[in-house]
Amino acid sequence: MRRLISMMGILFICLFTFTSVSLAQHSHGGMSTGGSMKMDTKEVL
């Protein structure tokens, strides 16, 4: 049971870091990377 909880925690941390990095990239890219931004949001969902 503890292993499952730890795995879920690691997955949550990885997901959080991935979303923060992707958001940072999008804010830097601006309107030039509008198409890739939409694709990224679809992949996340």
C-alpha atoms as a PDB file:
ATOM      1  CA  MET A   1       0.000   0.000   0.000  1.00  0.00           C
ATOM      2  CA  ARG A   2       2.807   2.409   0.863  1.00  0.00           C
ATOM      3  CA  ARG A   3       4.500   1.671  -2.453  1.00  0.00           C
ATOM      4  CA  LEU A   4       1.315   2.630  -4.337  1.00  0.00           C
ATOM      5  CA  ILE A   5       1.074   5.931  -2.457  1.00  0.00           C
ATOM      6  CA  SER A   6       4.738   6.739  -3.110  1.00  0.00           C
ATOM      7  CA  MET A   7       4.345   5.925  -6.817  1.00  0.00           C
ATOM      8  CA  MET A   8       1.293   8.195  -7.056  1.00  0.00           C
ATOM      9  CA  GLY A   9       3.239  10.961  -5.318  1.00  0.00           C
ATOM     10  CA  ILE A  10       6.138  10.635  -7.772  1.00  0.00           C
ATOM     11  CA  LEU A  11       3.717  10.657 -10.718  1.00  0.00           C
ATOM     12  CA  PHE A  12       2.015  13.783  -9.345  1.00  0.00           C
ATOM     13  CA  ILE A  13       5.360  15.571  -8.918  1.00  0.00           C
ATOM     14  CA  CYS A  14       6.436  14.600 -12.460  1.00  0.00           C
ATOM     15  CA  LEU A  15       3.122  15.817 -13.883  1.00  0.00           C
ATOM     16  CA  PHE A  16       3.378  19.090 -11.945  1.00  0.00           C
ATOM     17  CA  THR A  17       6.924  19.780 -13.161  1.00  0.00           C
ATOM     18  CA  PHE A  18       5.965  18.869 -16.759  1.00  0.00           C
ATOM     19  CA  THR A  19       3.004  21.257 -16.753  1.00  0.00           C
ATOM     20  CA  SER A  20       5.066  24.084 -15.220  1.00  0.00           C
ATOM     21  CA  VAL A  21       7.826  23.603 -17.819  1.00  0.00           C
ATOM     22  CA  SER A  22       5.322  23.510 -20.689  1.00  0.00           C
ATOM     23  CA  LEU A  23       3.599  26.652 -19.372  1.00  0.00           C
ATOM     24  CA  ALA A  24       6.971  28.429 -19.160  1.00  0.00           C
ATOM     25  CA  GLN A  25       7.787  27.438 -22.750  1.00  0.00           C
ATOM     26  CA  HIS A  26       4.391  28.681 -23.942  1.00  0.00           C
ATOM     27  CA  SER A  27       4.751  32.033 -22.180  1.00  0.00           C
ATOM     28  CA  HIS A  28       8.187  32.503 -23.797  1.00  0.00           C
ATOM     29  CA  GLY A  29       6.978  31.390 -27.240  1.00  0.00           C
ATOM     30  CA  GLY A  30       3.995  33.725 -27.352  1.00  0.00           C
ATOM     31  CA  MET A  31       1.803  33.727 -30.454  1.00  0.00           C
ATOM     32  CA  SER A  32       4.471  32.175 -32.707  1.00  0.00           C
ATOM     33  CA  THR A  33       3.886  28.730 -31.139  1.00  0.00           C
ATOM     34  CA  GLY A  34       0.081  28.866 -31.016  1.00  0.00           C
ATOM     35  CA  GLY A  35      -0.406  25.614 -32.951  1.00  0.00           C
ATOM     36  CA  SER A  36       1.965  23.557 -30.807  1.00  0.00           C
ATOM     37  CA  MET A  37       0.358  25.018 -27.673  1.00  0.00           C
ATOM     38  CA  LYS A  38      -3.059  23.656 -28.660  1.00  0.00           C
ATOM     39  CA  MET A  39      -1.577  20.224 -29.376  1.00  0.00           C
ATOM     40  CA  ASP A  40       0.175  20.176 -25.981  1.00  0.00           C
ATOM     41  CA  THR A  41      -3.049  20.966 -24.130  1.00  0.00           C
ATOM     42  CA  LYS A  42      -4.834  18.152 -25.986  1.00  0.00           C
ATOM     43  CA  GLU A  43      -2.052  15.717 -25.066  1.00  0.00           C
ATOM     44  CA  VAL A  44      -2.220  16.714 -21.394  1.00  0.00           C
ATOM     45  CA  LEU A  45      -5.992  16.236 -21.319  1.00  0.00           C
END
